[in-house]
Amino acid sequence: MPPVFALADCNNFYVSCERVFNPKLEGKPVVVLSNNDGCVVSRSNEAKALGIKMGAPVFELSGMIKRHGVKVFSSNYALYGDMSQRVMETLSGFAEDIEIYSIDEAFLDLSGFRHENLTDYMRRIRSDVKQWTGIPVSIGIAETKTLAKIANKMAKKIPETEGVLDLTVLSARERALAMTDVADIWGIGSSYSGYLEKNGVKNALQLRDAGSALTNRIKHKMGINGARIIQELKGVPCYSVETCPQPKKGITVSRTFRQPIESLSELKEAMATYVSMGAEKLRRENAATRTLSVFLHTSRFKKEDFYYRIKTVDLPVTTMDTGELIRYAGEGLEEIYRKGCMYKRAGVMFRDLLPDTRIQMGLFDCINRRRSEKLMKTLDAVNLKMGSGTLAYAATGLAGTRSWHMVFKKRSPSYTTDWNQIPAAS
């Protein structure tokens, strides 16, 4: 029996999270901004109807925001991450295998539900997710993950679907493929869409039905991924639901400063903060790093004065110890720092990751690794229970004095992750 996949995707996820705790936002144009309140990263349907584009700088929208009463929010990643977990836990109760694809998307394996009416079953899931979490979702059903992606997009666009579209029905599949621009196919995007359009392939149906000569050229140009996309469009599955996510190959934490920074001491504080965030991610992955890279650069818009440097450090012992990583990052930063430059961005990258059970000790290692492990576990446990940043290294600077810190002037409360911000009935 061939597999059947469903893709559940939260609608305008960040905006939907804001609406759960502020019902007055329903039916009104709402946007959520990126770090430092810079650009639009999430839009309600009403905001889309006004012509607000994804990625638009908010300062360019000030007139439109005032004229139409657009509600503007800073990103609240603590809230969004917690709401995502609640949605995924709800979805996991409806399928044996689930792959969490992103913060607002998950693939479900429906192969064991062939005796069910899949559309009705997905509408029940959609209703329960809305009731239990407050988040609206759209669901696409198909024999392959690529087709399920297309089905999901159509479910969002076509009101008659009521948020669920089943492309295992052949007539619905043909129509959906004809309506899907080639650039919108999962795995193609802008990188290959231009090439395909030049060869007369403008939609998913034309790509699926491409002749053998064109298919061979596409495979030569796009490699194995191109071949798999064509097969998936034909209903032949090339990808399964990955219930065990692949371990990360690297972790990067970087930020753009709201105002350029020249001071080395301030850059060190920012770098120590980014290292702390990255090290916490390492430990959540039960991983450690053998290689650390720090980088910084000035504004790319000032090309005549643009300065970019990166320093890579091969660590003597693979580690996930925050204090140790801060020390090496600070030494690397000192090497690439140039006095007189106004830096706009800095960051740290961890590469060559290994499971923390495979750390090989060094002959001249002076650090008590057992003590380090216990300290990191205590640090993470306290911050998990009491809130992120409750315990921090002094190298990250004092709260309230960090001029480099990101701006979130319109951030809503952390309704679900901070006891002091739990909503109260009035």
Protein backbone atom coordinates (compact mmCIF):
# COMPACT_ATOMS: atom_id res chain seq x y z
CA MET A 1 0.00 0.00 0.00
CA PRO A 2 1.54 3.36 -1.04
CA PRO A 3 2.08 5.93 1.73
CA VAL A 4 -0.08 8.98 2.32
CA PHE A 5 1.28 12.18 3.84
CA ALA A 6 -0.36 15.20 5.39
CA LEU A 7 1.32 18.56 5.91
CA ALA A 8 -0.17 20.62 8.73
CA ASP A 9 0.93 24.26 8.57
CA CYS A 10 -0.08 26.96 11.05
CA ASN A 11 -1.67 29.98 9.34
CA ASN A 12 0.33 33.21 9.74
CA PHE A 13 1.84 31.59 12.83
CA TYR A 14 3.38 34.52 14.70
CA VAL A 15 0.27 36.64 14.15
CA SER A 16 -1.96 33.74 15.21
CA CYS A 17 0.01 33.38 18.46
CA GLU A 18 -0.59 37.06 19.22
CA ARG A 19 -4.30 36.68 18.52
CA VAL A 20 -4.72 33.73 20.89
CA PHE A 21 -4.19 36.02 23.89
CA ASN A 22 -5.60 39.16 22.31
CA PRO A 23 -8.88 38.24 20.56
CA LYS A 24 -9.51 41.91 19.71
CA LEU A 25 -6.94 41.47 16.93
CA GLU A 26 -9.23 39.13 14.99
CA GLY A 27 -10.23 40.63 11.65
CA LYS A 28 -7.70 43.47 11.92
CA PRO A 29 -4.44 43.94 10.00
CA VAL A 30 -1.55 42.68 12.15
CA VAL A 31 2.18 42.39 11.49
CA VAL A 32 5.06 40.96 13.52
CA LEU A 33 8.55 42.40 13.12
CA SER A 34 12.03 40.89 13.00
CA ASN A 35 14.83 41.48 15.52
CA ASN A 36 15.36 45.15 16.39
CA ASP A 37 11.86 45.82 15.02
CA GLY A 38 13.33 46.02 11.55
CA CYS A 39 11.24 44.18 8.95
CA VAL A 40 7.91 42.40 8.62
CA VAL A 41 8.24 38.64 9.20
CA SER A 42 4.59 37.67 9.67
CA ARG A 43 1.33 39.18 8.33
CA SER A 44 -2.33 38.57 8.89
CA ASN A 45 -4.49 38.08 5.81
CA GLU A 46 -5.86 41.59 6.33
CA ALA A 47 -2.32 43.01 6.27
CA LYS A 48 -1.55 41.05 3.10
CA ALA A 49 -4.68 42.51 1.50
CA LEU A 50 -3.31 46.01 2.18
CA GLY A 51 -0.24 45.13 0.09
CA ILE A 52 2.23 44.78 2.96
CA LYS A 53 5.06 42.58 1.70
CA MET A 54 7.06 40.03 3.63
CA GLY A 55 10.43 41.53 4.60
CA ALA A 56 9.29 45.14 4.11
CA PRO A 57 11.20 47.57 6.38
CA VAL A 58 8.77 48.89 8.96
CA PHE A 59 9.95 52.52 8.60
CA GLU A 60 8.69 52.47 5.01
CA LEU A 61 5.23 51.43 6.21
CA SER A 62 4.65 54.14 8.82
CA GLY A 63 2.07 55.98 6.70
CA MET A 64 0.14 52.83 5.83
CA ILE A 65 0.22 51.65 9.46
CA LYS A 66 -1.36 54.93 10.63
CA ARG A 67 -3.94 55.12 7.83
CA HIS A 68 -5.23 51.58 8.25
CA GLY A 69 -4.69 51.08 11.97
CA VAL A 70 -2.27 48.19 11.49
CA LYS A 71 -1.36 46.54 14.79
CA VAL A 72 2.40 46.06 15.10
CA PHE A 73 4.21 43.61 17.40
CA SER A 74 7.85 42.82 18.11
CA SER A 75 8.89 39.18 17.80
CA ASN A 76 8.21 37.14 20.94
CA TYR A 77 10.16 33.94 20.32
CA ALA A 78 9.56 32.52 23.81
CA LEU A 79 5.80 32.66 23.19
CA TYR A 80 6.03 31.33 19.63
CA GLY A 81 8.30 28.44 20.61
CA ASP A 82 5.99 27.35 23.42
CA MET A 83 2.87 27.61 21.26
CA SER A 84 4.63 25.59 18.55
CA GLN A 85 5.33 22.82 21.04
CA ARG A 86 1.66 22.76 22.06
CA VAL A 87 0.55 22.48 18.43
CA MET A 88 3.03 19.67 17.70
CA GLU A 89 2.02 17.74 20.80
CA THR A 90 -1.61 17.99 19.70
CA LEU A 91 -0.81 16.79 16.17
CA SER A 92 1.24 13.86 17.48
CA GLY A 93 -1.88 12.41 19.04
CA PHE A 94 -3.46 11.89 15.60
CA ALA A 95 -0.72 9.98 13.76
CA GLU A 96 1.80 7.30 14.65
CA ASP A 97 4.67 9.09 12.88
CA ILE A 98 5.17 12.84 12.77
CA GLU A 99 8.07 14.92 11.46
CA ILE A 100 8.37 18.42 12.90
CA TYR A 101 9.60 20.23 9.81
CA SER A 102 9.75 23.78 11.19
CA ILE A 103 8.33 25.88 14.02
CA ASP A 104 4.92 25.95 12.31
CA GLU A 105 4.90 22.88 10.02
CA ALA A 106 4.73 19.11 10.52
CA PHE A 107 4.39 16.11 8.22
CA LEU A 108 2.10 13.30 9.36
CA ASP A 109 2.21 9.73 8.03
CA LEU A 110 -1.40 8.74 7.31
CA SER A 111 -0.68 5.36 5.76
CA GLY A 112 -2.52 3.56 8.54
CA PHE A 113 -5.71 5.59 8.06
CA ARG A 114 -6.76 4.45 4.60
CA HIS A 115 -10.06 3.16 5.95
CA GLU A 116 -10.90 6.69 7.11
CA ASN A 117 -12.26 9.54 5.05
CA LEU A 118 -9.02 11.50 5.09
CA THR A 119 -10.59 14.90 4.49
CA ASP A 120 -13.02 14.44 7.38
CA TYR A 121 -10.22 13.15 9.60
CA MET A 122 -8.02 16.16 8.81
CA ARG A 123 -10.91 18.54 9.48
CA ARG A 124 -11.30 16.92 12.86
CA ILE A 125 -7.58 17.44 13.52
CA ARG A 126 -7.83 21.04 12.37
CA SER A 127 -10.79 21.65 14.66
CA ASP A 128 -9.09 20.07 17.66
CA VAL A 129 -5.84 22.00 17.17
CA LYS A 130 -7.84 25.24 17.02
CA GLN A 131 -9.86 24.32 20.10
CA TRP A 132 -6.92 23.13 22.21
CA THR A 133 -4.29 25.70 21.21
CA GLY A 134 -6.17 28.55 19.51
CA ILE A 135 -3.96 28.25 16.42
CA PRO A 136 -5.61 27.82 12.96
CA VAL A 137 -3.93 25.31 10.65
CA SER A 138 -4.27 24.30 7.02
CA ILE A 139 -3.66 20.70 5.93
CA GLY A 140 -2.65 19.22 2.59
CA ILE A 141 -2.93 15.49 1.84
CA ALA A 142 -1.09 13.59 -0.91
CA GLU A 143 0.96 10.50 -1.77
CA THR A 144 4.26 12.42 -1.54
CA LYS A 145 5.65 15.19 0.63
CA THR A 146 6.12 17.49 -2.37
CA LEU A 147 2.49 17.08 -3.38
CA ALA A 148 1.40 17.55 0.24
CA LYS A 149 3.23 20.89 0.25
CA ILE A 150 1.32 21.96 -2.86
CA ALA A 151 -1.95 20.74 -1.37
CA ASN A 152 -1.29 22.77 1.77
CA LYS A 153 -0.73 25.99 -0.19
CA MET A 154 -3.92 25.43 -2.15
CA ALA A 155 -5.83 24.77 1.08
CA LYS A 156 -4.77 28.22 2.27
CA LYS A 157 -5.70 29.96 -0.98
CA ILE A 158 -9.04 28.34 -1.86
CA PRO A 159 -11.83 29.10 0.65
CA GLU A 160 -13.96 26.20 -0.63
CA THR A 161 -11.46 23.70 0.80
CA GLU A 162 -12.21 24.89 4.36
CA GLY A 163 -8.52 24.51 5.16
CA VAL A 164 -8.10 20.91 3.97
CA LEU A 165 -7.24 19.65 0.46
CA ASP A 166 -6.76 16.01 -0.55
CA LEU A 167 -4.63 15.56 -3.68
CA THR A 168 -4.97 11.80 -3.66
CA VAL A 169 -8.08 12.68 -5.70
CA LEU A 170 -6.72 12.84 -9.25
CA SER A 171 -8.95 15.66 -10.54
CA ALA A 172 -8.00 17.92 -7.64
CA ARG A 173 -4.33 17.13 -8.17
CA GLU A 174 -4.33 18.13 -11.84
CA ARG A 175 -5.94 21.47 -11.04
CA ALA A 176 -3.59 22.19 -8.13
CA LEU A 177 -0.47 21.38 -10.18
CA ALA A 178 -1.62 23.68 -12.98
CA MET A 179 -2.18 26.50 -10.45
CA THR A 180 1.24 26.12 -8.80
CA ASP A 181 4.04 28.30 -10.20
CA VAL A 182 7.27 26.39 -10.69
CA ALA A 183 9.04 28.75 -8.26
CA ASP A 184 6.61 27.67 -5.52
CA ILE A 185 7.47 23.96 -5.74
CA TRP A 186 9.18 22.63 -2.63
CA GLY A 187 12.91 22.35 -3.31
CA ILE A 188 13.05 24.63 -6.36
CA GLY A 189 12.49 28.24 -5.38
CA SER A 190 14.33 31.06 -7.11
CA SER A 191 17.56 29.11 -7.57
CA TYR A 192 16.22 26.96 -10.42
CA SER A 193 12.90 28.54 -11.37
CA GLY A 194 14.53 30.89 -13.88
CA TYR A 195 16.19 27.99 -15.68
CA LEU A 196 12.93 26.01 -15.82
CA GLU A 197 10.90 28.97 -17.06
CA LYS A 198 13.42 29.57 -19.85
CA ASN A 199 12.77 25.97 -20.91
CA GLY A 200 9.00 26.51 -21.02
CA VAL A 201 8.21 25.01 -17.61
CA LYS A 202 6.07 27.56 -15.79
CA ASN A 203 4.01 25.41 -13.43
CA ALA A 204 4.13 22.12 -11.55
CA LEU A 205 1.97 20.30 -14.09
CA GLN A 206 4.36 21.16 -16.93
CA LEU A 207 7.31 20.00 -14.84
CA ARG A 208 5.65 16.70 -14.04
CA ASP A 209 4.78 16.08 -17.69
CA ALA A 210 8.12 17.26 -19.15
CA GLY A 211 9.34 15.09 -22.03
CA SER A 212 12.31 12.76 -21.65
CA ALA A 213 14.79 15.13 -23.35
CA LEU A 214 13.84 18.07 -21.10
CA THR A 215 13.70 15.79 -18.06
CA ASN A 216 17.28 14.67 -18.71
CA ARG A 217 18.44 18.28 -19.00
CA ILE A 218 16.66 19.14 -15.75
CA LYS A 219 18.28 16.19 -13.98
CA HIS A 220 21.69 17.25 -15.30
CA LYS A 221 21.14 20.82 -14.10
CA MET A 222 19.50 20.07 -10.74
CA GLY A 223 21.05 16.71 -9.92
CA ILE A 224 19.40 14.05 -7.79
CA ASN A 225 17.07 16.57 -6.13
CA GLY A 226 15.63 17.55 -9.52
CA ALA A 227 15.00 13.92 -10.37
CA ARG A 228 13.29 13.33 -7.04
CA ILE A 229 11.05 16.40 -7.40
CA ILE A 230 9.77 15.14 -10.76
CA GLN A 231 9.11 11.68 -9.33
CA GLU A 232 7.29 13.14 -6.33
CA LEU A 233 5.09 15.25 -8.61
CA LYS A 234 4.16 12.00 -10.37
CA GLY A 235 3.06 10.53 -7.05
CA VAL A 236 6.16 8.38 -6.49
CA PRO A 237 7.44 9.01 -2.93
CA CYS A 238 11.17 9.73 -2.60
CA TYR A 239 11.07 11.08 0.95
CA SER A 240 9.67 9.49 4.09
CA VAL A 241 8.57 11.01 7.38
CA GLU A 242 11.73 11.52 9.44
CA THR A 243 10.72 10.88 13.03
CA CYS A 244 14.33 11.17 14.22
CA PRO A 245 15.74 14.50 13.01
CA GLN A 246 19.28 14.50 11.68
CA PRO A 247 21.87 15.90 14.10
CA LYS A 248 22.88 19.45 13.34
CA LYS A 249 26.16 19.99 11.49
CA GLY A 250 26.66 23.39 13.04
CA ILE A 251 25.13 26.14 15.15
CA THR A 252 25.32 29.86 14.41
CA VAL A 253 24.20 32.76 16.59
CA SER A 254 24.56 36.27 15.20
CA ARG A 255 22.76 39.59 15.43
CA THR A 256 22.66 42.96 13.73
CA PHE A 257 23.16 45.88 16.12
CA ARG A 258 20.53 48.60 16.11
CA GLN A 259 23.38 51.14 16.23
CA PRO A 260 26.94 50.55 14.98
CA ILE A 261 29.46 49.64 17.71
CA GLU A 262 33.14 50.59 17.85
CA SER A 263 34.07 49.58 21.42
CA LEU A 264 35.89 46.26 21.82
CA SER A 265 34.48 45.82 25.33
CA GLU A 266 30.91 46.13 24.04
CA LEU A 267 31.65 43.71 21.20
CA LYS A 268 33.02 41.24 23.74
CA GLU A 269 29.84 41.49 25.80
CA ALA A 270 27.71 40.85 22.72
CA MET A 271 29.94 37.95 21.62
CA ALA A 272 29.81 36.39 25.10
CA THR A 273 26.02 36.58 24.98
CA TYR A 274 25.89 34.90 21.56
CA VAL A 275 28.32 32.20 22.73
CA SER A 276 26.10 31.58 25.78
CA MET A 277 23.04 31.17 23.54
CA GLY A 278 24.91 28.86 21.17
CA ALA A 279 26.33 26.74 23.99
CA GLU A 280 22.84 26.29 25.42
CA LYS A 281 21.68 25.07 22.01
CA LEU A 282 24.64 22.68 21.89
CA ARG A 283 23.67 21.12 25.20
CA ARG A 284 20.03 20.80 24.15
CA GLU A 285 21.32 18.77 21.18
CA ASN A 286 23.51 16.70 23.54
CA ALA A 287 26.43 17.87 21.41
CA ALA A 288 29.81 19.54 21.77
CA THR A 289 31.97 21.49 19.33
CA ARG A 290 35.55 21.03 18.12
CA THR A 291 35.70 24.26 16.13
CA LEU A 292 34.65 27.81 16.98
CA SER A 293 34.54 30.75 14.58
CA VAL A 294 33.85 34.39 15.44
CA PHE A 295 33.11 37.06 12.86
CA LEU A 296 32.19 40.71 12.62
CA HIS A 297 31.60 43.24 9.89
CA THR A 298 30.68 46.84 9.28
CA SER A 299 27.66 48.00 7.27
CA ARG A 300 27.49 46.44 3.81
CA PHE A 301 25.92 49.64 2.50
CA LYS A 302 29.19 51.52 3.01
CA LYS A 303 31.20 49.55 0.50
CA GLU A 304 34.20 51.86 0.48
CA ASP A 305 34.70 51.31 4.23
CA PHE A 306 33.38 47.75 4.46
CA TYR A 307 35.38 45.53 6.83
CA TYR A 308 34.72 41.82 7.39
CA ARG A 309 36.87 39.33 9.29
CA ILE A 310 36.41 35.83 10.65
CA LYS A 311 38.65 33.88 13.01
CA THR A 312 38.43 30.10 13.38
CA VAL A 313 39.79 28.38 16.48
CA ASP A 314 40.42 24.63 16.67
CA LEU A 315 39.70 23.80 20.28
CA PRO A 316 42.18 21.58 22.16
CA VAL A 317 39.29 19.55 23.62
CA THR A 318 35.77 19.19 22.24
CA THR A 319 33.51 21.12 24.61
CA MET A 320 30.07 22.53 25.34
CA ASP A 321 31.21 24.54 28.39
CA THR A 322 29.95 28.14 28.10
CA GLY A 323 32.79 29.70 30.07
CA GLU A 324 35.47 27.92 28.05
CA LEU A 325 33.84 28.90 24.76
CA ILE A 326 33.50 32.52 25.87
CA ARG A 327 37.24 32.64 26.58
CA TYR A 328 38.24 31.30 23.15
CA ALA A 329 35.69 33.52 21.40
CA GLY A 330 37.05 36.59 23.17
CA GLU A 331 40.62 35.75 22.14
CA GLY A 332 39.48 35.27 18.54
CA LEU A 333 37.59 38.55 18.59
CA GLU A 334 40.68 40.45 19.77
CA GLU A 335 42.61 39.13 16.75
CA ILE A 336 40.12 40.35 14.15
CA TYR A 337 39.07 43.60 15.82
CA ARG A 338 40.21 46.79 14.09
CA LYS A 339 40.01 50.01 16.04
CA GLY A 340 38.07 52.82 14.40
CA CYS A 341 35.58 50.59 12.57
CA MET A 342 31.85 50.91 13.28
CA TYR A 343 30.61 47.34 13.43
CA LYS A 344 27.06 46.49 12.44
CA ARG A 345 26.98 42.73 12.99
CA ALA A 346 28.83 40.04 14.92
CA GLY A 347 28.36 36.36 15.58
CA VAL A 348 29.76 32.97 16.51
CA MET A 349 29.65 29.63 14.71
CA PHE A 350 30.17 26.17 16.18
CA ARG A 351 31.28 23.50 13.70
CA ASP A 352 32.47 19.88 13.74
CA LEU A 353 29.84 18.89 16.27
CA LEU A 354 30.07 15.57 18.11
CA PRO A 355 27.78 13.80 20.59
CA ASP A 356 28.76 14.83 24.10
CA THR A 357 29.36 11.14 24.88
CA ARG A 358 32.27 11.05 22.42
CA ILE A 359 34.42 13.82 23.89
CA GLN A 360 38.08 12.77 23.86
CA MET A 361 40.14 14.13 26.72
CA GLY A 362 43.40 16.01 26.09
CA LEU A 363 46.72 15.04 27.66
CA PHE A 364 47.37 18.59 28.85
CA ASP A 365 43.75 19.51 29.61
CA CYS A 366 43.57 21.35 32.93
CA ILE A 367 39.76 21.66 33.10
CA ASN A 368 37.80 19.39 35.43
CA ARG A 369 35.34 18.05 32.83
CA ARG A 370 33.13 16.29 35.38
CA ARG A 371 32.72 19.52 37.33
CA SER A 372 32.12 21.43 34.09
CA GLU A 373 29.33 19.05 33.10
CA LYS A 374 27.61 19.41 36.47
CA LEU A 375 27.91 23.20 36.34
CA MET A 376 26.36 23.38 32.86
CA LYS A 377 23.47 21.12 33.90
CA THR A 378 22.79 23.34 36.91
CA LEU A 379 22.99 26.50 34.79
CA ASP A 380 20.51 25.12 32.25
CA ALA A 381 18.16 23.77 34.93
CA VAL A 382 17.94 27.12 36.74
CA ASN A 383 17.38 29.09 33.53
CA LEU A 384 14.75 26.61 32.39
CA LYS A 385 12.85 26.88 35.66
CA MET A 386 13.32 30.57 36.43
CA GLY A 387 13.53 32.04 32.93
CA SER A 388 16.20 32.53 30.31
CA GLY A 389 19.08 34.70 31.52
CA THR A 390 18.39 34.22 35.24
CA LEU A 391 21.96 32.96 35.56
CA ALA A 392 24.51 34.39 33.16
CA TYR A 393 28.25 34.87 32.89
CA ALA A 394 29.55 38.29 33.92
CA ALA A 395 31.22 38.57 30.51
CA THR A 396 27.79 39.14 28.95
CA GLY A 397 27.48 42.49 30.76
CA LEU A 398 24.88 43.88 33.13
CA ALA A 399 21.24 43.93 32.11
CA GLY A 400 20.07 47.45 31.33
CA THR A 401 23.52 48.69 30.34
CA ARG A 402 23.87 46.77 27.07
CA SER A 403 23.76 49.40 24.35
CA TRP A 404 24.15 46.65 21.75
CA HIS A 405 21.10 44.75 22.96
CA MET A 406 18.28 44.15 20.50
CA VAL A 407 15.17 46.33 20.57
CA PHE A 408 11.68 44.86 21.04
CA LYS A 409 9.60 47.94 21.79
CA LYS A 410 6.26 46.36 20.92
CA ARG A 411 6.70 42.87 22.38
CA SER A 412 3.68 41.23 23.94
CA PRO A 413 3.96 39.41 27.30
CA SER A 414 5.36 35.88 27.52
CA TYR A 415 1.93 34.56 28.43
CA THR A 416 2.89 30.88 28.65
CA THR A 417 6.52 30.87 29.82
CA ASP A 418 6.75 33.48 32.60
CA TRP A 419 4.73 33.21 35.81
CA ASN A 420 4.77 36.99 36.19
CA GLN A 421 3.18 37.51 32.76
CA ILE A 422 0.35 34.98 32.89
CA PRO A 423 -2.84 36.71 31.73
CA ALA A 424 -5.31 37.52 34.46
CA ALA A 425 -9.10 37.65 34.14
CA SER A 426 -10.55 41.07 34.88
